[in-house]
């Protein structure tokens, strides 16, 4: 249980740290984050919830962009980064689940 909490805490930090190079300068004021501790990323429902939250986070993160094309590019970059990070987290959770299952 403690390992799960540690992974969830790490996941929130990982999702909050977006690479600077891919985002417009005005979008760098605050990191984007998506809460994932309360959803099961290994289920289709959990991923649907993550996708909705990622969409909202990207819109919120890029809301100050005046140019529509820059705002759209910003949202795409944020969602790509979040998707990459959640894929890594899902892989770690799948690996942990398979180790737990194998130990039984």
PDB file of N, CA and C in Angstrom:
ATOM      1  N   UNK A   1       0.821  -1.190   0.000  1.00  0.00           N
ATOM      2  CA  UNK A   1       0.000   0.000   0.000  1.00  0.00           C
ATOM      3  C   UNK A   1       0.862   1.249   0.000  1.00  0.00           C
ATOM      4  N   UNK A   2       1.923   1.258   0.777  1.00  0.00           N
ATOM      5  CA  UNK A   2       2.814   2.402   0.831  1.00  0.00           C
ATOM      6  C   UNK A   2       3.487   2.620  -0.519  1.00  0.00           C
ATOM      7  N   UNK A   3       3.847   1.530  -1.225  1.00  0.00           N
ATOM      8  CA  UNK A   3       4.446   1.643  -2.547  1.00  0.00           C
ATOM      9  C   UNK A   3       3.480   2.292  -3.523  1.00  0.00           C
ATOM     10  N   UNK A   4       2.205   1.922  -3.436  1.00  0.00           N
ATOM     11  CA  UNK A   4       1.194   2.518  -4.306  1.00  0.00           C
ATOM     12  C   UNK A   4       1.090   4.014  -4.057  1.00  0.00           C
ATOM     13  N   UNK A   5       1.086   4.423  -2.801  1.00  0.00           N
ATOM     14  CA  UNK A   5       1.031   5.849  -2.486  1.00  0.00           C
ATOM     15  C   UNK A   5       2.262   6.569  -2.999  1.00  0.00           C
ATOM     16  N   UNK A   6       3.422   5.940  -2.890  1.00  0.00           N
ATOM     17  CA  UNK A   6       4.655   6.547  -3.392  1.00  0.00           C
ATOM     18  C   UNK A   6       4.602   6.710  -4.900  1.00  0.00           C
ATOM     19  N   UNK A   7       4.114   5.676  -5.597  1.00  0.00           N
ATOM     20  CA  UNK A   7       3.996   5.752  -7.057  1.00  0.00           C
ATOM     21  C   UNK A   7       3.014   6.840  -7.445  1.00  0.00           C
ATOM     22  N   UNK A   8       1.890   6.941  -6.741  1.00  0.00           N
ATOM     23  CA  UNK A   8       0.904   7.973  -7.050  1.00  0.00           C
ATOM     24  C   UNK A   8       1.480   9.363  -6.830  1.00  0.00           C
ATOM     25  N   UNK A   9       2.212   9.529  -5.746  1.00  0.00           N
ATOM     26  CA  UNK A   9       2.826  10.828  -5.480  1.00  0.00           C
ATOM     27  C   UNK A   9       3.850  11.176  -6.537  1.00  0.00           C
ATOM     28  N   UNK A  10       4.657  10.196  -6.929  1.00  0.00           N
ATOM     29  CA  UNK A  10       5.640  10.414  -7.977  1.00  0.00           C
ATOM     30  C   UNK A  10       4.949  10.735  -9.294  1.00  0.00           C
ATOM     31  N   UNK A  11       3.838  10.057  -9.569  1.00  0.00           N
ATOM     32  CA  UNK A  11       3.118  10.280 -10.811  1.00  0.00           C
ATOM     33  C   UNK A  11       2.631  11.716 -10.913  1.00  0.00           C
ATOM     34  N   UNK A  12       2.124  12.247  -9.815  1.00  0.00           N
ATOM     35  CA  UNK A  12       1.664  13.644  -9.837  1.00  0.00           C
ATOM     36  C   UNK A  12       2.824  14.585 -10.135  1.00  0.00           C
ATOM     37  N   UNK A  13       3.980  14.323  -9.543  1.00  0.00           N
ATOM     38  CA  UNK A  13       5.147  15.159  -9.802  1.00  0.00           C
ATOM     39  C   UNK A  13       5.606  15.015 -11.243  1.00  0.00           C
ATOM     40  N   UNK A  14       5.596  13.796 -11.741  1.00  0.00           N
ATOM     41  CA  UNK A  14       6.043  13.567 -13.110  1.00  0.00           C
ATOM     42  C   UNK A  14       5.131  14.266 -14.108  1.00  0.00           C
ATOM     43  N   UNK A  15       3.837  14.234 -13.857  1.00  0.00           N
ATOM     44  CA  UNK A  15       2.903  14.884 -14.765  1.00  0.00           C
ATOM     45  C   UNK A  15       2.987  16.400 -14.679  1.00  0.00           C
ATOM     46  N   UNK A  16       3.439  16.900 -13.561  1.00  0.00           N
ATOM     47  CA  UNK A  16       3.527  18.349 -13.394  1.00  0.00           C
ATOM     48  C   UNK A  16       4.766  18.932 -14.055  1.00  0.00           C
ATOM     49  N   UNK A  17       5.763  18.135 -14.308  1.00  0.00           N
ATOM     50  CA  UNK A  17       7.025  18.639 -14.849  1.00  0.00           C
ATOM     51  C   UNK A  17       7.057  18.470 -16.360  1.00  0.00           C
ATOM     52  N   UNK A  18       6.684  19.488 -17.066  1.00  0.00           N
ATOM     53  CA  UNK A  18       6.680  19.435 -18.524  1.00  0.00           C
ATOM     54  C   UNK A  18       7.961  20.055 -19.067  1.00  0.00           C
ATOM     55  N   UNK A  19       8.532  19.470 -20.097  1.00  0.00           N
ATOM     56  CA  UNK A  19       9.728  20.067 -20.685  1.00  0.00           C
ATOM     57  C   UNK A  19       9.455  21.476 -21.198  1.00  0.00           C
ATOM     58  N   UNK A  20      10.382  22.357 -20.961  1.00  0.00           N
ATOM     59  CA  UNK A  20      10.225  23.760 -21.301  1.00  0.00           C
ATOM     60  C   UNK A  20      10.310  24.006 -22.799  1.00  0.00           C
ATOM     61  N   UNK A  21      11.139  23.279 -23.504  1.00  0.00           N
ATOM     62  CA  UNK A  21      11.421  23.571 -24.908  1.00  0.00           C
ATOM     63  C   UNK A  21      10.199  23.469 -25.816  1.00  0.00           C
ATOM     64  N   UNK A  22       9.257  22.616 -25.503  1.00  0.00           N
ATOM     65  CA  UNK A  22       8.150  22.374 -26.416  1.00  0.00           C
ATOM     66  C   UNK A  22       6.972  23.327 -26.231  1.00  0.00           C
ATOM     67  N   UNK A  23       7.042  24.228 -25.263  1.00  0.00           N
ATOM     68  CA  UNK A  23       5.905  25.081 -24.979  1.00  0.00           C
ATOM     69  C   UNK A  23       6.210  26.554 -25.253  1.00  0.00           C
ATOM     70  N   UNK A  24       5.199  27.319 -25.625  1.00  0.00           N
ATOM     71  CA  UNK A  24       5.397  28.744 -25.831  1.00  0.00           C
ATOM     72  C   UNK A  24       5.826  29.435 -24.535  1.00  0.00           C
ATOM     73  N   UNK A  25       6.536  30.544 -24.665  1.00  0.00           N
ATOM     74  CA  UNK A  25       7.093  31.225 -23.491  1.00  0.00           C
ATOM     75  C   UNK A  25       6.023  31.654 -22.494  1.00  0.00           C
ATOM     76  N   UNK A  26       4.905  32.132 -22.951  1.00  0.00           N
ATOM     77  CA  UNK A  26       3.877  32.609 -22.020  1.00  0.00           C
ATOM     78  C   UNK A  26       3.194  31.481 -21.263  1.00  0.00           C
ATOM     79  N   UNK A  27       3.311  30.270 -21.760  1.00  0.00           N
ATOM     80  CA  UNK A  27       2.674  29.128 -21.094  1.00  0.00           C
ATOM     81  C   UNK A  27       3.543  28.547 -19.989  1.00  0.00           C
ATOM     82  N   UNK A  28       4.709  29.130 -19.774  1.00  0.00           N
ATOM     83  CA  UNK A  28       5.641  28.556 -18.811  1.00  0.00           C
ATOM     84  C   UNK A  28       5.456  29.070 -17.396  1.00  0.00           C
ATOM     85  N   UNK A  29       4.448  29.853 -17.138  1.00  0.00           N
ATOM     86  CA  UNK A  29       4.252  30.448 -15.824  1.00  0.00           C
ATOM     87  C   UNK A  29       4.020  29.401 -14.739  1.00  0.00           C
ATOM     88  N   UNK A  30       3.248  28.386 -15.015  1.00  0.00           N
ATOM     89  CA  UNK A  30       2.952  27.353 -14.012  1.00  0.00           C
ATOM     90  C   UNK A  30       2.857  26.005 -14.718  1.00  0.00           C
ATOM     91  N   UNK A  31       3.295  24.935 -14.074  1.00  0.00           N
ATOM     92  CA  UNK A  31       3.240  23.620 -14.722  1.00  0.00           C
ATOM     93  C   UNK A  31       1.814  23.088 -14.806  1.00  0.00           C
ATOM     94  N   UNK A  32       1.576  22.271 -15.817  1.00  0.00           N
ATOM     95  CA  UNK A  32       0.277  21.603 -15.945  1.00  0.00           C
ATOM     96  C   UNK A  32       0.316  20.354 -15.084  1.00  0.00           C
ATOM     97  N   UNK A  33      -0.796  20.017 -14.479  1.00  0.00           N
ATOM     98  CA  UNK A  33      -0.854  18.788 -13.692  1.00  0.00           C
ATOM     99  C   UNK A  33      -2.221  18.146 -13.841  1.00  0.00           C
ATOM    100  N   UNK A  34      -2.221  16.839 -13.679  1.00  0.00           N
ATOM    101  CA  UNK A  34      -3.447  16.050 -13.760  1.00  0.00           C
ATOM    102  C   UNK A  34      -3.452  15.120 -12.558  1.00  0.00           C
ATOM    103  N   UNK A  35      -4.523  15.151 -11.795  1.00  0.00           N
ATOM    104  CA  UNK A  35      -4.652  14.256 -10.648  1.00  0.00           C
ATOM    105  C   UNK A  35      -4.970  12.855 -11.161  1.00  0.00           C
ATOM    106  N   UNK A  36      -4.155  11.883 -10.740  1.00  0.00           N
ATOM    107  CA  UNK A  36      -4.380  10.506 -11.191  1.00  0.00           C
ATOM    108  C   UNK A  36      -4.492   9.521 -10.036  1.00  0.00           C
ATOM    109  N   UNK A  37      -4.268   9.970  -8.825  1.00  0.00           N
ATOM    110  CA  UNK A  37      -4.260   9.052  -7.679  1.00  0.00           C
ATOM    111  C   UNK A  37      -5.605   8.367  -7.462  1.00  0.00           C
ATOM    112  N   UNK A  38      -6.690   8.995  -7.899  1.00  0.00           N
ATOM    113  CA  UNK A  38      -8.026   8.465  -7.643  1.00  0.00           C
ATOM    114  C   UNK A  38      -8.614   7.668  -8.809  1.00  0.00           C
ATOM    115  N   UNK A  39      -7.819   7.434  -9.860  1.00  0.00           N
ATOM    116  CA  UNK A  39      -8.350   6.679 -10.999  1.00  0.00           C
ATOM    117  C   UNK A  39      -7.468   5.468 -11.292  1.00  0.00           C
ATOM    118  N   UNK A  40      -8.078   4.458 -11.884  1.00  0.00           N
ATOM    119  CA  UNK A  40      -7.366   3.247 -12.282  1.00  0.00           C
ATOM    120  C   UNK A  40      -6.938   3.414 -13.735  1.00  0.00           C
ATOM    121  N   UNK A  41      -5.658   3.704 -13.930  1.00  0.00           N
ATOM    122  CA  UNK A  41      -5.141   3.934 -15.270  1.00  0.00           C
ATOM    123  C   UNK A  41      -5.065   2.663 -16.102  1.00  0.00           C
ATOM    124  N   UNK A  42      -5.317   1.521 -15.491  1.00  0.00           N
ATOM    125  CA  UNK A  42      -5.279   0.261 -16.216  1.00  0.00           C
ATOM    126  C   UNK A  42      -6.644  -0.126 -16.782  1.00  0.00           C
ATOM    127  N   UNK A  43      -7.653   0.693 -16.521  1.00  0.00           N
ATOM    128  CA  UNK A  43      -8.991   0.408 -17.044  1.00  0.00           C
ATOM    129  C   UNK A  43      -9.361   1.429 -18.117  1.00  0.00           C
ATOM    130  N   UNK A  44     -10.236   1.036 -19.043  1.00  0.00           N
ATOM    131  CA  UNK A  44     -10.694   1.986 -20.067  1.00  0.00           C
ATOM    132  C   UNK A  44     -11.399   3.202 -19.451  1.00  0.00           C
ATOM    133  N   UNK A  45     -12.158   2.980 -18.382  1.00  0.00           N
ATOM    134  CA  UNK A  45     -12.846   4.086 -17.726  1.00  0.00           C
ATOM    135  C   UNK A  45     -11.838   5.051 -17.096  1.00  0.00           C
ATOM    136  N   UNK A  46     -10.811   4.499 -16.483  1.00  0.00           N
ATOM    137  CA  UNK A  46      -9.777   5.333 -15.884  1.00  0.00           C
ATOM    138  C   UNK A  46      -9.051   6.154 -16.922  1.00  0.00           C
ATOM    139  N   UNK A  47      -8.753   5.559 -18.064  1.00  0.00           N
ATOM    140  CA  UNK A  47      -8.075   6.300 -19.131  1.00  0.00           C
ATOM    141  C   UNK A  47      -8.989   7.360 -19.739  1.00  0.00           C
ATOM    142  N   UNK A  48     -10.283   7.074 -19.821  1.00  0.00           N
ATOM    143  CA  UNK A  48     -11.219   8.088 -20.317  1.00  0.00           C
ATOM    144  C   UNK A  48     -11.247   9.280 -19.366  1.00  0.00           C
ATOM    145  N   UNK A  49     -11.230   8.999 -18.069  1.00  0.00           N
ATOM    146  CA  UNK A  49     -11.190  10.075 -17.069  1.00  0.00           C
ATOM    147  C   UNK A  49      -9.887  10.853 -17.202  1.00  0.00           C
ATOM    148  N   UNK A  50      -8.771  10.144 -17.371  1.00  0.00           N
ATOM    149  CA  UNK A  50      -7.486  10.824 -17.553  1.00  0.00           C
ATOM    150  C   UNK A  50      -7.531  11.721 -18.788  1.00  0.00           C
ATOM    151  N   UNK A  51      -8.065  11.212 -19.901  1.00  0.00           N
ATOM    152  CA  UNK A  51      -8.119  11.993 -21.136  1.00  0.00           C
ATOM    153  C   UNK A  51      -8.921  13.274 -20.942  1.00  0.00           C
ATOM    154  N   UNK A  52     -10.049  13.196 -20.242  1.00  0.00           N
ATOM    155  CA  UNK A  52     -10.845  14.391 -19.970  1.00  0.00           C
ATOM    156  C   UNK A  52     -10.063  15.388 -19.125  1.00  0.00           C
ATOM    157  N   UNK A  53      -9.390  14.874 -18.096  1.00  0.00           N
ATOM    158  CA  UNK A  53      -8.603  15.750 -17.225  1.00  0.00           C
ATOM    159  C   UNK A  53      -7.425  16.358 -17.980  1.00  0.00           C
ATOM    160  N   UNK A  54      -6.807  15.588 -18.865  1.00  0.00           N
ATOM    161  CA  UNK A  54      -5.683  16.100 -19.659  1.00  0.00           C
ATOM    162  C   UNK A  54      -6.162  17.197 -20.605  1.00  0.00           C
ATOM    163  N   UNK A  55      -7.332  17.017 -21.202  1.00  0.00           N
ATOM    164  CA  UNK A  55      -7.896  18.059 -22.064  1.00  0.00           C
ATOM    165  C   UNK A  55      -8.123  19.349 -21.277  1.00  0.00           C
ATOM    166  N   UNK A  56      -8.708  19.215 -20.114  1.00  0.00           N
ATOM    167  CA  UNK A  56      -8.965  20.380 -19.278  1.00  0.00           C
ATOM    168  C   UNK A  56      -7.655  21.049 -18.859  1.00  0.00           C
ATOM    169  N   UNK A  57      -6.677  20.247 -18.449  1.00  0.00           N
ATOM    170  CA  UNK A  57      -5.386  20.788 -18.016  1.00  0.00           C
ATOM    171  C   UNK A  57      -4.690  21.524 -19.159  1.00  0.00           C
ATOM    172  N   UNK A  58      -4.761  20.972 -20.360  1.00  0.00           N
ATOM    173  CA  UNK A  58      -4.136  21.616 -21.519  1.00  0.00           C
ATOM    174  C   UNK A  58      -4.828  22.939 -21.844  1.00  0.00           C
ATOM    175  N   UNK A  59      -6.147  22.948 -21.812  1.00  0.00           N
ATOM    176  CA  UNK A  59      -6.879  24.201 -22.066  1.00  0.00           C
ATOM    177  C   UNK A  59      -6.535  25.248 -21.013  1.00  0.00           C
ATOM    178  N   UNK A  60      -6.510  24.820 -19.757  1.00  0.00           N
ATOM    179  CA  UNK A  60      -6.208  25.736 -18.666  1.00  0.00           C
ATOM    180  C   UNK A  60      -4.773  26.254 -18.770  1.00  0.00           C
ATOM    181  N   UNK A  61      -3.836  25.363 -19.073  1.00  0.00           N
ATOM    182  CA  UNK A  61      -2.424  25.713 -19.149  1.00  0.00           C
ATOM    183  C   UNK A  61      -2.157  26.730 -20.256  1.00  0.00           C
ATOM    184  N   UNK A  62      -2.873  26.617 -21.356  1.00  0.00           N
ATOM    185  CA  UNK A  62      -2.617  27.451 -22.531  1.00  0.00           C
ATOM    186  C   UNK A  62      -3.624  28.594 -22.686  1.00  0.00           C
ATOM    187  N   UNK A  63      -4.418  28.837 -21.675  1.00  0.00           N
ATOM    188  CA  UNK A  63      -5.530  29.789 -21.786  1.00  0.00           C
ATOM    189  C   UNK A  63      -5.109  31.223 -22.075  1.00  0.00           C
ATOM    190  N   UNK A  64      -3.891  31.597 -21.742  1.00  0.00           N
ATOM    191  CA  UNK A  64      -3.465  32.985 -21.916  1.00  0.00           C
ATOM    192  C   UNK A  64      -2.898  33.280 -23.295  1.00  0.00           C
ATOM    193  N   UNK A  65      -2.786  32.272 -24.121  1.00  0.00           N
ATOM    194  CA  UNK A  65      -2.271  32.487 -25.477  1.00  0.00           C
ATOM    195  C   UNK A  65      -3.291  33.275 -26.284  1.00  0.00           C
ATOM    196  N   UNK A  66      -2.849  34.326 -26.913  1.00  0.00           N
ATOM    197  CA  UNK A  66      -3.743  35.186 -27.711  1.00  0.00           C
ATOM    198  C   UNK A  66      -3.960  34.627 -29.115  1.00  0.00           C
ATOM    199  N   UNK A  67      -2.928  34.062 -29.681  1.00  0.00           N
ATOM    200  CA  UNK A  67      -3.011  33.509 -31.030  1.00  0.00           C
ATOM    201  C   UNK A  67      -3.670  32.138 -30.975  1.00  0.00           C
ATOM    202  N   UNK A  68      -4.673  31.939 -31.813  1.00  0.00           N
ATOM    203  CA  UNK A  68      -5.363  30.648 -31.832  1.00  0.00           C
ATOM    204  C   UNK A  68      -4.428  29.515 -32.231  1.00  0.00           C
ATOM    205  N   UNK A  69      -3.547  29.770 -33.194  1.00  0.00           N
ATOM    206  CA  UNK A  69      -2.637  28.710 -33.633  1.00  0.00           C
ATOM    207  C   UNK A  69      -1.611  28.381 -32.547  1.00  0.00           C
ATOM    208  N   UNK A  70      -1.130  29.389 -31.831  1.00  0.00           N
ATOM    209  CA  UNK A  70      -0.177  29.142 -30.750  1.00  0.00           C
ATOM    210  C   UNK A  70      -0.885  28.406 -29.609  1.00  0.00           C
ATOM    211  N   UNK A  71      -2.102  28.797 -29.297  1.00  0.00           N
ATOM    212  CA  UNK A  71      -2.863  28.126 -28.244  1.00  0.00           C
ATOM    213  C   UNK A  71      -3.105  26.664 -28.611  1.00  0.00           C
ATOM    214  N   UNK A  72      -3.457  26.418 -29.866  1.00  0.00           N
ATOM    215  CA  UNK A  72      -3.687  25.037 -30.307  1.00  0.00           C
ATOM    216  C   UNK A  72      -2.404  24.224 -30.224  1.00  0.00           C
ATOM    217  N   UNK A  73      -1.286  24.788 -30.655  1.00  0.00           N
ATOM    218  CA  UNK A  73      -0.002  24.090 -30.583  1.00  0.00           C
ATOM    219  C   UNK A  73       0.388  23.823 -29.132  1.00  0.00           C
ATOM    220  N   UNK A  74       0.119  24.769 -28.261  1.00  0.00           N
ATOM    221  CA  UNK A  74       0.402  24.612 -26.843  1.00  0.00           C
ATOM    222  C   UNK A  74      -0.408  23.446 -26.272  1.00  0.00           C
ATOM    223  N   UNK A  75      -1.702  23.401 -26.576  1.00  0.00           N
ATOM    224  CA  UNK A  75      -2.557  22.313 -26.067  1.00  0.00           C
ATOM    225  C   UNK A  75      -2.078  20.955 -26.566  1.00  0.00           C
ATOM    226  N   UNK A  76      -1.698  20.891 -27.835  1.00  0.00           N
ATOM    227  CA  UNK A  76      -1.196  19.634 -28.392  1.00  0.00           C
ATOM    228  C   UNK A  76       0.073  19.212 -27.668  1.00  0.00           C
ATOM    229  N   UNK A  77       0.992  20.154 -27.439  1.00  0.00           N
ATOM    230  CA  UNK A  77       2.257  19.829 -26.754  1.00  0.00           C
ATOM    231  C   UNK A  77       2.009  19.351 -25.326  1.00  0.00           C
ATOM    232  N   UNK A  78       1.115  20.017 -24.622  1.00  0.00           N
ATOM    233  CA  UNK A  78       0.814  19.619 -23.245  1.00  0.00           C
ATOM    234  C   UNK A  78       0.206  18.225 -23.222  1.00  0.00           C
ATOM    235  N   UNK A  79      -0.758  17.974 -24.093  1.00  0.00           N
ATOM    236  CA  UNK A  79      -1.405  16.662 -24.113  1.00  0.00           C
ATOM    237  C   UNK A  79      -0.435  15.552 -24.513  1.00  0.00           C
ATOM    238  N   UNK A  80       0.487  15.843 -25.430  1.00  0.00           N
ATOM    239  CA  UNK A  80       1.492  14.848 -25.809  1.00  0.00           C
ATOM    240  C   UNK A  80       2.393  14.511 -24.625  1.00  0.00           C
ATOM    241  N   UNK A  81       2.830  15.538 -23.901  1.00  0.00           N
ATOM    242  CA  UNK A  81       3.690  15.305 -22.732  1.00  0.00           C
ATOM    243  C   UNK A  81       2.945  14.507 -21.665  1.00  0.00           C
ATOM    244  N   UNK A  82       1.708  14.871 -21.399  1.00  0.00           N
ATOM    245  CA  UNK A  82       0.927  14.140 -20.397  1.00  0.00           C
ATOM    246  C   UNK A  82       0.709  12.698 -20.823  1.00  0.00           C
ATOM    247  N   UNK A  83       0.450  12.480 -22.099  1.00  0.00           N
ATOM    248  CA  UNK A  83       0.241  11.118 -22.605  1.00  0.00           C
ATOM    249  C   UNK A  83       1.501  10.274 -22.481  1.00  0.00           C
ATOM    250  N   UNK A  84       2.658  10.865 -22.784  1.00  0.00           N
ATOM    251  CA  UNK A  84       3.916  10.134 -22.641  1.00  0.00           C
ATOM    252  C   UNK A  84       4.148   9.745 -21.182  1.00  0.00           C
ATOM    253  N   UNK A  85       3.894  10.678 -20.287  1.00  0.00           N
ATOM    254  CA  UNK A  85       4.128  10.415 -18.864  1.00  0.00           C
ATOM    255  C   UNK A  85       3.140   9.381 -18.322  1.00  0.00           C
ATOM    256  N   UNK A  86       1.893   9.461 -18.722  1.00  0.00           N
ATOM    257  CA  UNK A  86       0.918   8.494 -18.225  1.00  0.00           C
ATOM    258  C   UNK A  86       1.196   7.105 -18.797  1.00  0.00           C
ATOM    259  N   UNK A  87       1.740   7.029 -19.996  1.00  0.00           N
ATOM    260  CA  UNK A  87       2.119   5.734 -20.566  1.00  0.00           C
ATOM    261  C   UNK A  87       3.207   5.085 -19.726  1.00  0.00           C
ATOM    262  N   UNK A  88       4.182   5.875 -19.297  1.00  0.00           N
ATOM    263  CA  UNK A  88       5.249   5.356 -18.437  1.00  0.00           C
ATOM    264  C   UNK A  88       4.689   4.900 -17.087  1.00  0.00           C
ATOM    265  N   UNK A  89       3.769   5.656 -16.544  1.00  0.00           N
ATOM    266  CA  UNK A  89       3.160   5.302 -15.258  1.00  0.00           C
ATOM    267  C   UNK A  89       2.333   4.027 -15.400  1.00  0.00           C
ATOM    268  N   UNK A  90       1.574   3.916 -16.480  1.00  0.00           N
ATOM    269  CA  UNK A  90       0.786   2.699 -16.726  1.00  0.00           C
ATOM    270  C   UNK A  90       1.695   1.482 -16.833  1.00  0.00           C
ATOM    271  N   UNK A  91       2.821   1.634 -17.538  1.00  0.00           N
ATOM    272  CA  UNK A  91       3.766   0.523 -17.689  1.00  0.00           C
ATOM    273  C   UNK A  91       4.307   0.086 -16.330  1.00  0.00           C
ATOM    274  N   UNK A  92       4.645   1.063 -15.490  1.00  0.00           N
ATOM    275  CA  UNK A  92       5.149   0.740 -14.146  1.00  0.00           C
ATOM    276  C   UNK A  92       4.081   0.028 -13.328  1.00  0.00           C
ATOM    277  N   UNK A  93       2.850   0.473 -13.445  1.00  0.00           N
ATOM    278  CA  UNK A  93       1.763  -0.173 -12.697  1.00  0.00           C
ATOM    279  C   UNK A  93       1.489  -1.581 -13.211  1.00  0.00           C
ATOM    280  N   UNK A  94       1.557  -1.767 -14.527  1.00  0.00           N
ATOM    281  CA  UNK A  94       1.369  -3.105 -15.085  1.00  0.00           C
ATOM    282  C   UNK A  94       2.481  -4.039 -14.623  1.00  0.00           C
ATOM    283  N   UNK A  95       3.714  -3.541 -14.608  1.00  0.00           N
ATOM    284  CA  UNK A  95       4.840  -4.345 -14.148  1.00  0.00           C
ATOM    285  C   UNK A  95       4.660  -4.716 -12.677  1.00  0.00           C
ATOM    286  N   UNK A  96       4.248  -3.742 -11.867  1.00  0.00           N
ATOM    287  CA  UNK A  96       4.037  -4.005 -10.439  1.00  0.00           C
ATOM    288  C   UNK A  96       2.906  -5.011 -10.242  1.00  0.00           C
ATOM    289  N   UNK A  97       1.840  -4.871 -11.009  1.00  0.00           N
ATOM    290  CA  UNK A  97       0.720  -5.804 -10.906  1.00  0.00           C
ATOM    291  C   UNK A  97       1.150  -7.208 -11.303  1.00  0.00           C
ATOM    292  N   UNK A  98       1.973  -7.341 -12.335  1.00  0.00           N
ATOM    293  CA  UNK A  98       2.398  -8.672 -12.758  1.00  0.00           C
ATOM    294  C   UNK A  98       3.335  -9.289 -11.717  1.00  0.00           C
ATOM    295  N   UNK A  99       4.169  -8.486 -11.061  1.00  0.00           N
ATOM    296  CA  UNK A  99       5.032  -9.007  -9.999  1.00  0.00           C
ATOM    297  C   UNK A  99       4.207  -9.469  -8.808  1.00  0.00           C
ATOM    298  N   UNK A 100       3.191  -8.696  -8.473  1.00  0.00           N
ATOM    299  CA  UNK A 100       2.311  -9.063  -7.361  1.00  0.00           C
ATOM    300  C   UNK A 100       1.583 -10.361  -7.679  1.00  0.00           C
ATOM    301  N   UNK A 101       1.088 -10.488  -8.913  1.00  0.00           N
ATOM    302  CA  UNK A 101       0.378 -11.678  -9.318  1.00  0.00           C
ATOM    303  C   UNK A 101       1.320 -12.890  -9.332  1.00  0.00           C
ATOM    304  N   UNK A 102       2.540 -12.705  -9.806  1.00  0.00           N
ATOM    305  CA  UNK A 102       3.508 -13.804  -9.884  1.00  0.00           C
ATOM    306  C   UNK A 102       3.929 -14.274  -8.484  1.00  0.00           C
ATOM    307  N   UNK A 103       3.910 -13.385  -7.523  1.00  0.00           N
ATOM    308  CA  UNK A 103       4.319 -13.738  -6.149  1.00  0.00           C
ATOM    309  C   UNK A 103       3.276 -14.602  -5.467  1.00  0.00           C
ATOM    310  N   UNK A 104       2.078 -14.596  -5.923  1.00  0.00           N
ATOM    311  CA  UNK A 104       1.013 -15.389  -5.295  1.00  0.00           C
ATOM    312  C   UNK A 104       1.173 -16.783  -5.716  1.00  0.00           C
TER     313      UNK A 104
END
